[in-house]
Amino acid sequence: MFMDMQLNTIVGLALIALYSISIVSLVIVVLLENRNPLKTIPWVIVLLLLPGVGLIFYFVFGQDNRRQRIISRRTYKRIMRPLHTNPPVQDRCAVEPPYQPLVNLLNRNHRNPLLYGSALSFYTNGTDKFEALLEEIGRAQHHIHLQYYIFKNDAIGRNVQQALIAKAKAGIRIRVIYDDVGSWDVKSAFFSEMRQAGIQVYPFLKVAFPVLTSKVNYRNHRKIVVIDGRVGFMGGMNIADRYIHGTSTGHWRDTHFKITGKGVHGLQSAFLIDWYVISKQLVKGREYYPSEKIYSDNILQIAASGPAGPWRTLVQAFLFCIMNARKYLYIQTPYFLPTEDLNQALQTVALSGVDVRLMIPEHSDTWAVKMASRSFLDDMVKAGVKVYFYKPGFLHSKLFVMDDALTCIGSANFDFRSFEHNFEINAFVYQASFAGRMKAMFMDDVTRSEQLVPARWLKRPLPKRLAESFMRLFSPLL
């Protein structure tokens, strides 16, 4: 009996020692990755304080796929080469001199060309957006490419599904990408019905449970529709009833855009790259990039970003825009968790006298993100940033407009997840009249918002501030 107890003790101590060595070794690995300290420290804390849970969470959510490269450089070049031997090609147009470095930055990062002359329409509610989408699907003559983070099997989801099936039976080529995590609760039968009608449907980075992989943390958050290479949609709305009927927090305030003209070619390239990644099918040809007439004098650049490339494209682009703002900078975002660089940049331009305004939702769909977001506001208001809480419902709009000259629209939130982990797509629009329309939209939302009063905000209860500050520690992981 005594020998058995000794043996059990020795085995127990050996297991504890082995486990401790594993955790310490993993902490060392995290440190040696030389990430941003703001991202390293939360993982070290989690691994040390919650070793068992932390170990699982690190393998699922914590690995740096930018180093592992979801797509190898060689494969990425193979994908890009045939796509760029056909249009889109750089249009012979010029932006205002202050923004030429931004054009160069986006072009060098992902070969994002300038595209001239598109018409831009925008929608601030799901009813109008889905009416326009279904109308354009009905007009398709050659192909439909559709990609969403969330594709629900609800009323609007089935409407879109049936519209696609009808076009497929009419001989239209249809390709669909949905995110495997964003659409996790949709049964396979929903997508199988489309496949049976001849639609090609693929999930993005499929995650096979219970075998957990780090793929779960790297999601495709893009919302892209391309119809015949002539009409496209992008923005913040997925396919779900919530965009029409709202949620328990109220109506869902979002912004989505329709592009008509050559600007669609940028969306097409982004879609076809993702299509190759998941299907290994290389789709190319002049019919996917048809000649288009000139609808306006705007110039836009479609910028796709994600964890597969060597650069954090949107972080770099946003930093450039913020630091070059001269008159005003207005931002709408549902989640405000800026990197330290962006945090400091916003404070710097506000202190320099630029009119910086930030609008976020009063009611969030994620408690942890809401608490962490609030912790960043103290320094913002101290620096002179005007902060607005949108009150009627959930604000999911993503907008960045500055100086009556430049607008950034698309799928990316102003948070770590969009900048570091998600595949996103945004358009930079170089046109004064469009910036004016977006500024007017922002100011209209101001009438339904409450401006944060610094004197009152900075005196909020200590327990609340402590909870916000604690959640901020984990903002790089949210």
Protein backbone atom coordinates (compact mmCIF):
# COMPACT_ATOMS: atom_id res chain seq x y z
CA MET A 1 0.00 0.00 0.00
CA PHE A 2 2.78 2.41 0.99
CA MET A 3 4.66 1.64 -2.23
CA ASP A 4 1.52 2.27 -4.27
CA MET A 5 1.05 5.65 -2.59
CA GLN A 6 4.65 6.58 -3.27
CA LEU A 7 4.30 5.54 -6.91
CA ASN A 8 1.12 7.56 -7.28
CA THR A 9 2.82 10.57 -5.71
CA ILE A 10 5.81 10.28 -8.04
CA VAL A 11 3.57 9.92 -11.09
CA GLY A 12 1.48 12.89 -9.97
CA LEU A 13 4.53 15.09 -9.41
CA ALA A 14 5.96 13.99 -12.76
CA LEU A 15 2.74 14.95 -14.54
CA ILE A 16 2.62 18.32 -12.77
CA ALA A 17 6.26 18.96 -13.69
CA LEU A 18 5.65 17.96 -17.32
CA TYR A 19 2.57 20.14 -17.52
CA SER A 20 4.40 23.09 -15.93
CA ILE A 21 7.30 22.70 -18.33
CA SER A 22 4.84 22.65 -21.25
CA ILE A 23 3.13 25.85 -20.10
CA VAL A 24 6.43 27.66 -19.45
CA SER A 25 7.75 26.48 -22.82
CA LEU A 26 4.62 27.80 -24.53
CA VAL A 27 4.98 31.15 -22.77
CA ILE A 28 8.56 31.32 -24.04
CA VAL A 29 7.33 30.55 -27.58
CA VAL A 30 4.77 33.35 -27.32
CA LEU A 31 7.47 35.77 -26.14
CA LEU A 32 9.88 34.74 -28.90
CA GLU A 33 7.25 35.49 -31.56
CA ASN A 34 8.01 39.18 -30.86
CA ARG A 35 4.45 40.30 -31.35
CA ASN A 36 3.09 43.61 -30.20
CA PRO A 37 3.45 43.56 -26.37
CA LEU A 38 -0.22 44.55 -26.11
CA LYS A 39 -1.05 41.21 -27.70
CA THR A 40 1.63 39.14 -25.99
CA ILE A 41 0.84 40.15 -22.41
CA PRO A 42 -2.82 38.93 -22.43
CA TRP A 43 -1.75 35.53 -23.73
CA VAL A 44 0.96 35.21 -21.09
CA ILE A 45 -1.60 36.12 -18.39
CA VAL A 46 -4.13 33.60 -19.71
CA LEU A 47 -1.53 30.81 -19.95
CA LEU A 48 -0.22 31.41 -16.42
CA LEU A 49 -3.52 32.00 -14.63
CA LEU A 50 -5.65 29.49 -16.55
CA PRO A 51 -3.10 26.96 -17.77
CA GLY A 52 -5.54 24.25 -18.87
CA VAL A 53 -8.11 26.47 -20.56
CA GLY A 54 -5.36 28.85 -21.71
CA LEU A 55 -3.50 26.06 -23.47
CA ILE A 56 -6.58 25.09 -25.47
CA PHE A 57 -7.45 28.69 -26.25
CA TYR A 58 -3.92 29.42 -27.45
CA PHE A 59 -3.89 26.53 -29.92
CA VAL A 60 -7.32 27.51 -31.22
CA PHE A 61 -7.12 31.31 -31.17
CA GLY A 62 -3.59 32.38 -30.41
CA GLN A 63 -1.25 31.10 -33.10
CA ASP A 64 0.14 33.71 -35.48
CA ASN A 65 -0.96 32.55 -38.92
CA ARG A 66 0.74 35.54 -40.49
CA ARG A 67 4.01 33.72 -39.77
CA GLN A 68 2.61 30.32 -40.75
CA ARG A 69 1.18 31.87 -43.94
CA ILE A 70 -2.25 30.51 -44.73
CA ILE A 71 -1.25 31.00 -48.37
CA SER A 72 2.40 30.62 -49.31
CA ARG A 73 4.09 33.45 -51.24
CA ARG A 74 4.58 31.13 -54.22
CA THR A 75 0.91 30.14 -54.27
CA TYR A 76 -0.19 33.74 -53.79
CA LYS A 77 1.91 34.84 -56.79
CA ARG A 78 0.48 32.01 -58.89
CA ILE A 79 -3.04 33.17 -58.04
CA MET A 80 -2.32 36.83 -58.70
CA ARG A 81 -0.39 36.41 -61.95
CA PRO A 82 -3.23 35.25 -64.23
CA LEU A 83 -5.73 37.56 -62.56
CA HIS A 84 -3.56 40.56 -63.30
CA THR A 85 -2.67 39.57 -66.86
CA ASN A 86 -6.32 40.44 -67.47
CA PRO A 87 -7.93 43.61 -66.05
CA PRO A 88 -8.27 45.30 -63.69
CA VAL A 89 -5.43 47.49 -64.88
CA GLN A 90 -4.41 50.87 -63.51
CA ASP A 91 -6.60 53.57 -65.04
CA ARG A 92 -4.84 56.65 -66.32
CA CYS A 93 -6.19 58.98 -63.69
CA ALA A 94 -4.67 60.95 -60.86
CA VAL A 95 -5.73 61.69 -57.32
CA GLU A 96 -4.97 64.86 -55.42
CA PRO A 97 -1.25 65.04 -54.46
CA PRO A 98 -1.83 64.56 -50.69
CA TYR A 99 -3.34 61.11 -51.39
CA GLN A 100 -0.87 59.81 -53.98
CA PRO A 101 1.26 58.14 -51.26
CA LEU A 102 -1.86 56.26 -50.12
CA VAL A 103 -2.43 55.09 -53.70
CA ASN A 104 1.18 53.89 -53.84
CA LEU A 105 0.86 52.12 -50.48
CA LEU A 106 -2.24 50.16 -51.47
CA ASN A 107 -0.80 49.33 -54.88
CA ARG A 108 2.47 48.03 -53.48
CA ASN A 109 0.80 46.03 -50.73
CA HIS A 110 -1.67 44.07 -52.85
CA ARG A 111 -1.48 45.49 -56.37
CA ASN A 112 -4.72 47.42 -55.90
CA PRO A 113 -5.17 49.56 -59.04
CA LEU A 114 -7.02 52.83 -59.41
CA LEU A 115 -10.42 52.31 -61.05
CA TYR A 116 -12.21 55.26 -62.63
CA GLY A 117 -15.77 56.28 -63.27
CA SER A 118 -18.06 54.05 -61.17
CA ALA A 119 -21.50 54.95 -59.88
CA LEU A 120 -21.94 54.49 -56.12
CA SER A 121 -25.25 53.98 -54.33
CA PHE A 122 -25.64 53.36 -50.61
CA TYR A 123 -28.24 51.75 -48.35
CA THR A 124 -28.74 52.35 -44.65
CA ASN A 125 -31.31 49.60 -44.04
CA GLY A 126 -31.66 45.97 -44.99
CA THR A 127 -35.00 46.36 -46.78
CA ASP A 128 -33.55 48.64 -49.46
CA LYS A 129 -30.30 46.70 -49.74
CA PHE A 130 -31.89 43.29 -50.26
CA GLU A 131 -34.48 44.69 -52.65
CA ALA A 132 -31.64 46.06 -54.78
CA LEU A 133 -29.62 42.84 -54.48
CA LEU A 134 -32.49 40.59 -55.53
CA GLU A 135 -33.28 42.93 -58.42
CA GLU A 136 -29.70 42.75 -59.71
CA ILE A 137 -29.58 38.95 -59.26
CA GLY A 138 -32.68 38.76 -61.44
CA ARG A 139 -30.90 40.73 -64.19
CA ALA A 140 -27.78 38.51 -64.29
CA GLN A 141 -26.83 37.29 -67.77
CA HIS A 142 -23.48 35.50 -67.35
CA HIS A 143 -22.35 34.92 -63.75
CA ILE A 144 -23.05 35.70 -60.10
CA HIS A 145 -20.31 35.63 -57.46
CA LEU A 146 -21.53 35.90 -53.88
CA GLN A 147 -19.48 35.86 -50.68
CA TYR A 148 -20.72 36.53 -47.14
CA TYR A 149 -19.47 36.01 -43.62
CA ILE A 150 -23.01 35.08 -42.50
CA PHE A 151 -25.56 33.45 -44.79
CA LYS A 152 -28.56 32.56 -42.63
CA ASN A 153 -31.30 30.07 -43.37
CA ASP A 154 -34.07 32.51 -42.48
CA ALA A 155 -36.65 34.40 -44.54
CA ILE A 156 -34.22 36.72 -46.34
CA GLY A 157 -31.63 33.95 -46.63
CA ARG A 158 -34.13 31.67 -48.34
CA ASN A 159 -35.22 34.51 -50.66
CA VAL A 160 -31.64 34.96 -51.80
CA GLN A 161 -31.12 31.19 -52.01
CA GLN A 162 -34.20 30.69 -54.20
CA ALA A 163 -33.26 33.64 -56.43
CA LEU A 164 -29.83 32.07 -57.00
CA ILE A 165 -31.35 28.64 -57.68
CA ALA A 166 -33.72 30.15 -60.27
CA LYS A 167 -30.82 31.81 -62.07
CA ALA A 168 -28.73 28.64 -61.95
CA LYS A 169 -31.58 26.71 -63.62
CA ALA A 170 -31.60 29.43 -66.29
CA GLY A 171 -27.96 28.65 -67.08
CA ILE A 172 -26.19 31.41 -65.14
CA ARG A 173 -22.84 30.42 -63.59
CA ILE A 174 -23.03 30.93 -59.85
CA ARG A 175 -20.25 30.64 -57.27
CA VAL A 176 -20.94 31.09 -53.53
CA ILE A 177 -18.53 31.39 -50.57
CA TYR A 178 -19.73 31.45 -46.97
CA ASP A 179 -17.60 31.58 -43.84
CA ASP A 180 -17.63 28.28 -41.98
CA VAL A 181 -17.66 29.93 -38.53
CA GLY A 182 -19.88 32.90 -39.35
CA SER A 183 -22.51 30.51 -40.75
CA TRP A 184 -21.84 27.71 -38.23
CA ASP A 185 -25.49 27.28 -37.23
CA VAL A 186 -26.78 26.79 -40.78
CA LYS A 187 -27.46 23.15 -41.58
CA SER A 188 -25.65 21.67 -44.57
CA ALA A 189 -28.97 20.91 -46.29
CA PHE A 190 -29.43 24.63 -46.96
CA PHE A 191 -26.26 24.78 -49.05
CA SER A 192 -26.77 21.28 -50.48
CA GLU A 193 -30.01 22.47 -52.06
CA MET A 194 -28.04 25.10 -53.96
CA ARG A 195 -25.42 22.55 -55.04
CA GLN A 196 -28.13 20.27 -56.37
CA ALA A 197 -29.31 23.14 -58.56
CA GLY A 198 -25.85 23.45 -60.10
CA ILE A 199 -24.48 26.25 -57.88
CA GLN A 200 -20.87 25.86 -56.75
CA VAL A 201 -20.81 26.46 -52.98
CA TYR A 202 -17.76 26.33 -50.69
CA PRO A 203 -17.15 27.17 -47.02
CA PHE A 204 -14.11 29.32 -46.26
CA LEU A 205 -11.43 27.66 -44.07
CA LYS A 206 -13.67 24.86 -42.88
CA VAL A 207 -13.21 24.02 -39.20
CA ALA A 208 -13.78 20.37 -38.37
CA PHE A 209 -14.87 19.89 -34.75
CA PRO A 210 -14.00 18.30 -32.40
CA VAL A 211 -10.55 18.57 -33.99
CA LEU A 212 -9.78 22.18 -33.08
CA THR A 213 -7.40 24.13 -35.25
CA SER A 214 -6.18 27.71 -35.34
CA LYS A 215 -8.27 28.21 -38.48
CA VAL A 216 -11.22 29.09 -36.24
CA ASN A 217 -9.56 32.41 -35.40
CA TYR A 218 -8.94 33.49 -39.01
CA ARG A 219 -12.24 34.22 -40.67
CA ASN A 220 -13.43 35.72 -43.93
CA HIS A 221 -15.45 38.75 -42.92
CA ARG A 222 -15.88 40.06 -46.48
CA LYS A 223 -19.27 40.78 -48.04
CA ILE A 224 -18.94 40.69 -51.82
CA VAL A 225 -21.42 40.30 -54.64
CA VAL A 226 -20.36 40.57 -58.29
CA ILE A 227 -22.90 40.24 -61.10
CA ASP A 228 -21.63 39.93 -64.69
CA GLY A 229 -18.52 41.90 -63.73
CA ARG A 230 -20.59 45.08 -64.02
CA VAL A 231 -22.51 45.48 -60.74
CA GLY A 232 -21.19 44.76 -57.27
CA PHE A 233 -22.19 45.08 -53.62
CA MET A 234 -19.99 45.51 -50.55
CA GLY A 235 -20.31 46.89 -47.03
CA GLY A 236 -21.44 45.84 -43.57
CA MET A 237 -24.58 43.75 -44.13
CA ASN A 238 -24.57 39.97 -44.18
CA ILE A 239 -27.54 37.86 -45.29
CA ALA A 240 -29.90 37.60 -42.33
CA ASP A 241 -33.30 38.84 -41.15
CA ARG A 242 -31.72 41.00 -38.45
CA TYR A 243 -30.79 43.58 -41.09
CA ILE A 244 -34.49 44.09 -41.81
CA HIS A 245 -36.23 43.39 -38.50
CA GLY A 246 -33.51 44.39 -36.03
CA THR A 247 -32.76 42.69 -32.73
CA SER A 248 -33.72 43.01 -29.08
CA THR A 249 -31.56 46.16 -28.89
CA GLY A 250 -33.63 47.89 -31.58
CA HIS A 251 -33.25 48.38 -35.31
CA TRP A 252 -30.04 47.41 -37.07
CA ARG A 253 -28.35 50.50 -38.50
CA ASP A 254 -25.86 49.49 -41.18
CA THR A 255 -24.40 50.80 -44.42
CA HIS A 256 -24.03 48.88 -47.67
CA PHE A 257 -22.97 49.99 -51.14
CA LYS A 258 -23.70 49.17 -54.76
CA ILE A 259 -20.96 49.79 -57.29
CA THR A 260 -21.78 50.03 -60.98
CA GLY A 261 -18.89 50.22 -63.44
CA LYS A 262 -15.21 49.46 -63.45
CA GLY A 263 -14.85 49.58 -59.66
CA VAL A 264 -16.50 46.15 -59.63
CA HIS A 265 -13.30 44.72 -61.14
CA GLY A 266 -11.56 45.17 -57.79
CA LEU A 267 -14.28 43.16 -56.05
CA GLN A 268 -14.00 40.51 -58.75
CA SER A 269 -10.26 40.05 -58.22
CA ALA A 270 -10.73 39.68 -54.46
CA PHE A 271 -13.49 37.11 -54.90
CA LEU A 272 -11.58 35.05 -57.45
CA ILE A 273 -8.50 34.92 -55.23
CA ASP A 274 -10.62 33.58 -52.36
CA TRP A 275 -12.32 31.20 -54.80
CA TYR A 276 -8.98 29.74 -55.87
CA VAL A 277 -7.88 29.33 -52.24
CA ILE A 278 -10.91 27.24 -51.28
CA SER A 279 -11.74 25.45 -54.55
CA LYS A 280 -8.35 25.31 -56.33
CA GLN A 281 -10.24 26.46 -59.46
CA LEU A 282 -8.59 29.29 -61.38
CA VAL A 283 -11.30 31.41 -62.99
CA LYS A 284 -10.10 33.92 -65.54
CA GLY A 285 -11.13 35.52 -68.79
CA ARG A 286 -12.09 38.85 -70.30
CA GLU A 287 -15.78 38.13 -69.66
CA TYR A 288 -15.16 38.52 -65.93
CA TYR A 289 -13.74 42.03 -66.47
CA PRO A 290 -15.94 43.56 -69.20
CA SER A 291 -15.42 47.04 -70.57
CA GLU A 292 -17.57 49.60 -68.80
CA LYS A 293 -18.80 53.07 -69.58
CA ILE A 294 -18.01 56.07 -67.38
CA TYR A 295 -20.73 56.84 -64.82
CA SER A 296 -19.00 59.51 -62.71
CA ASP A 297 -15.67 61.18 -62.03
CA ASN A 298 -14.86 59.17 -58.91
CA ILE A 299 -11.68 57.17 -58.49
CA LEU A 300 -11.64 54.21 -56.16
CA GLN A 301 -9.23 51.57 -54.96
CA ILE A 302 -10.46 48.22 -53.66
CA ALA A 303 -8.19 47.07 -50.81
CA ALA A 304 -8.38 43.47 -49.67
CA SER A 305 -6.60 42.71 -46.40
CA GLY A 306 -6.04 39.69 -44.20
CA PRO A 307 -3.64 37.59 -42.16
CA ALA A 308 -2.17 35.88 -45.24
CA GLY A 309 -0.05 38.78 -46.51
CA PRO A 310 3.16 40.24 -45.11
CA TRP A 311 1.60 43.65 -44.34
CA ARG A 312 -1.32 44.85 -42.25
CA THR A 313 -2.79 46.77 -45.15
CA LEU A 314 -5.73 48.49 -43.45
CA VAL A 315 -3.75 49.48 -40.35
CA GLN A 316 -1.15 51.14 -42.58
CA ALA A 317 -3.79 52.83 -44.73
CA PHE A 318 -5.79 54.09 -41.75
CA LEU A 319 -2.64 55.41 -40.10
CA PHE A 320 -1.80 57.33 -43.26
CA CYS A 321 -5.30 58.79 -43.48
CA ILE A 322 -5.47 59.79 -39.82
CA MET A 323 -2.08 61.47 -39.78
CA ASN A 324 -2.87 63.35 -43.00
CA ALA A 325 -6.28 64.67 -41.95
CA ARG A 326 -6.33 68.47 -42.04
CA LYS A 327 -9.92 69.60 -41.42
CA TYR A 328 -12.06 66.74 -40.13
CA LEU A 329 -12.17 62.99 -39.67
CA TYR A 330 -15.46 61.16 -38.96
CA ILE A 331 -15.56 57.47 -38.02
CA GLN A 332 -18.46 55.06 -37.51
CA THR A 333 -17.72 51.60 -36.14
CA PRO A 334 -19.64 49.01 -34.11
CA TYR A 335 -16.49 47.93 -32.25
CA PHE A 336 -13.79 50.37 -31.21
CA LEU A 337 -10.67 48.47 -30.15
CA PRO A 338 -7.83 50.36 -31.86
CA THR A 339 -4.25 49.20 -32.04
CA GLU A 340 -1.87 51.36 -30.02
CA ASP A 341 -0.62 53.04 -33.21
CA LEU A 342 -4.14 54.02 -34.27
CA ASN A 343 -5.04 55.01 -30.71
CA GLN A 344 -2.13 57.43 -30.54
CA ALA A 345 -2.71 58.73 -34.07
CA LEU A 346 -6.34 59.69 -33.33
CA GLN A 347 -5.31 61.51 -30.16
CA THR A 348 -2.48 63.26 -31.97
CA VAL A 349 -4.60 64.71 -34.78
CA ALA A 350 -7.36 65.71 -32.35
CA LEU A 351 -4.81 67.57 -30.22
CA SER A 352 -3.52 69.26 -33.38
CA GLY A 353 -6.95 70.82 -33.95
CA VAL A 354 -8.53 68.43 -36.47
CA ASP A 355 -12.26 67.88 -35.89
CA VAL A 356 -12.25 64.17 -34.99
CA ARG A 357 -15.61 62.53 -34.36
CA LEU A 358 -16.22 58.92 -33.38
CA MET A 359 -19.64 57.23 -33.39
CA ILE A 360 -20.19 53.86 -31.71
CA PRO A 361 -23.36 52.06 -30.57
CA GLU A 362 -24.90 52.74 -27.19
CA HIS A 363 -26.14 49.14 -27.21
CA SER A 364 -23.71 46.45 -28.35
CA ASP A 365 -24.26 42.83 -29.30
CA THR A 366 -21.12 41.78 -27.39
CA TRP A 367 -20.78 42.72 -23.70
CA ALA A 368 -17.03 42.08 -23.48
CA VAL A 369 -16.27 44.19 -26.55
CA LYS A 370 -18.54 46.99 -25.31
CA MET A 371 -16.71 47.11 -21.97
CA ALA A 372 -13.26 47.04 -23.57
CA SER A 373 -14.26 49.72 -26.09
CA ARG A 374 -15.38 52.09 -23.34
CA SER A 375 -11.91 51.99 -21.77
CA PHE A 376 -10.39 53.70 -24.82
CA LEU A 377 -12.73 56.67 -24.62
CA ASP A 378 -11.14 58.44 -21.64
CA ASP A 379 -8.01 59.43 -23.56
CA MET A 380 -10.07 60.17 -26.66
CA VAL A 381 -12.22 62.80 -24.97
CA LYS A 382 -9.22 64.23 -23.11
CA ALA A 383 -7.55 64.75 -26.49
CA GLY A 384 -10.62 66.49 -27.88
CA VAL A 385 -12.26 63.69 -29.86
CA LYS A 386 -16.05 64.13 -30.00
CA VAL A 387 -17.62 60.77 -29.12
CA TYR A 388 -21.23 59.90 -29.95
CA PHE A 389 -23.33 56.96 -28.72
CA TYR A 390 -25.88 55.91 -31.34
CA LYS A 391 -29.08 55.23 -29.39
CA PRO A 392 -32.04 53.87 -31.45
CA GLY A 393 -30.52 50.42 -32.07
CA PHE A 394 -27.32 48.65 -32.93
CA LEU A 395 -24.93 50.68 -35.09
CA HIS A 396 -23.05 48.26 -37.36
CA SER A 397 -21.98 50.82 -39.97
CA LYS A 398 -18.30 51.06 -40.94
CA LEU A 399 -17.37 54.50 -42.27
CA PHE A 400 -14.25 56.65 -42.47
CA VAL A 401 -14.59 60.05 -44.16
CA MET A 402 -12.19 63.00 -44.12
CA ASP A 403 -11.65 66.51 -45.46
CA ASP A 404 -14.42 66.44 -48.12
CA ALA A 405 -12.03 64.37 -50.24
CA LEU A 406 -11.56 60.76 -49.15
CA THR A 407 -13.93 58.04 -47.93
CA CYS A 408 -13.23 54.49 -46.80
CA ILE A 409 -16.13 52.04 -46.91
CA GLY A 410 -16.35 48.28 -46.55
CA SER A 411 -16.42 45.37 -44.11
CA ALA A 412 -13.66 46.22 -41.61
CA ASN A 413 -14.42 47.30 -38.06
CA PHE A 414 -12.07 49.57 -36.15
CA ASP A 415 -10.74 46.74 -34.00
CA PHE A 416 -7.93 44.22 -33.56
CA ARG A 417 -9.91 41.38 -35.10
CA SER A 418 -10.50 43.17 -38.39
CA PHE A 419 -6.95 44.48 -38.54
CA GLU A 420 -5.13 41.31 -37.43
CA HIS A 421 -7.26 38.19 -37.96
CA ASN A 422 -10.04 38.69 -40.48
CA PHE A 423 -10.02 38.76 -44.24
CA GLU A 424 -11.64 42.11 -45.01
CA ILE A 425 -12.35 44.26 -48.05
CA ASN A 426 -12.65 48.04 -48.17
CA ALA A 427 -12.85 50.66 -50.89
CA PHE A 428 -11.02 53.98 -50.76
CA VAL A 429 -13.03 56.52 -52.76
CA TYR A 430 -11.28 59.66 -53.96
CA GLN A 431 -14.17 62.00 -54.76
CA ALA A 432 -15.37 65.17 -53.05
CA SER A 433 -19.07 64.72 -53.82
CA PHE A 434 -19.17 61.18 -52.41
CA ALA A 435 -17.31 62.32 -49.28
CA GLY A 436 -19.96 65.03 -48.92
CA ARG A 437 -22.76 62.47 -49.12
CA MET A 438 -21.09 60.28 -46.50
CA LYS A 439 -20.46 63.27 -44.24
CA ALA A 440 -24.15 64.19 -44.49
CA MET A 441 -25.11 60.61 -43.62
CA PHE A 442 -22.87 60.75 -40.55
CA MET A 443 -24.32 64.08 -39.43
CA ASP A 444 -27.85 62.71 -39.87
CA ASP A 445 -26.93 59.86 -37.50
CA VAL A 446 -25.61 62.46 -35.05
CA THR A 447 -29.20 63.68 -34.61
CA ARG A 448 -30.05 60.22 -33.25
CA SER A 449 -27.02 60.02 -31.01
CA GLU A 450 -25.96 61.35 -27.63
CA GLN A 451 -22.64 63.16 -27.47
CA LEU A 452 -20.48 62.03 -24.61
CA VAL A 453 -19.91 64.84 -22.07
CA PRO A 454 -16.29 64.55 -20.88
CA ALA A 455 -16.93 65.95 -17.40
CA ARG A 456 -19.64 63.36 -16.73
CA TRP A 457 -17.92 60.50 -18.50
CA LEU A 458 -14.67 60.84 -16.57
CA LYS A 459 -16.61 60.71 -13.28
CA ARG A 460 -18.38 57.40 -13.93
CA PRO A 461 -18.24 54.91 -11.01
CA LEU A 462 -14.90 53.33 -10.17
CA PRO A 463 -16.19 49.70 -10.35
CA LYS A 464 -17.38 50.33 -13.90
CA ARG A 465 -14.05 51.84 -14.93
CA LEU A 466 -12.18 48.92 -13.36
CA ALA A 467 -14.33 46.40 -15.26
CA GLU A 468 -13.72 48.26 -18.52
CA SER A 469 -9.99 48.44 -17.89
CA PHE A 470 -9.85 44.74 -17.06
CA MET A 471 -11.59 43.81 -20.31
CA ARG A 472 -9.22 46.11 -22.19
CA LEU A 473 -6.38 43.74 -21.25
CA PHE A 474 -7.99 41.19 -23.54
CA SER A 475 -8.93 43.57 -26.38
CA PRO A 476 -6.33 42.06 -28.77
CA LEU A 477 -8.03 38.69 -28.29
CA LEU A 478 -11.68 39.80 -28.66
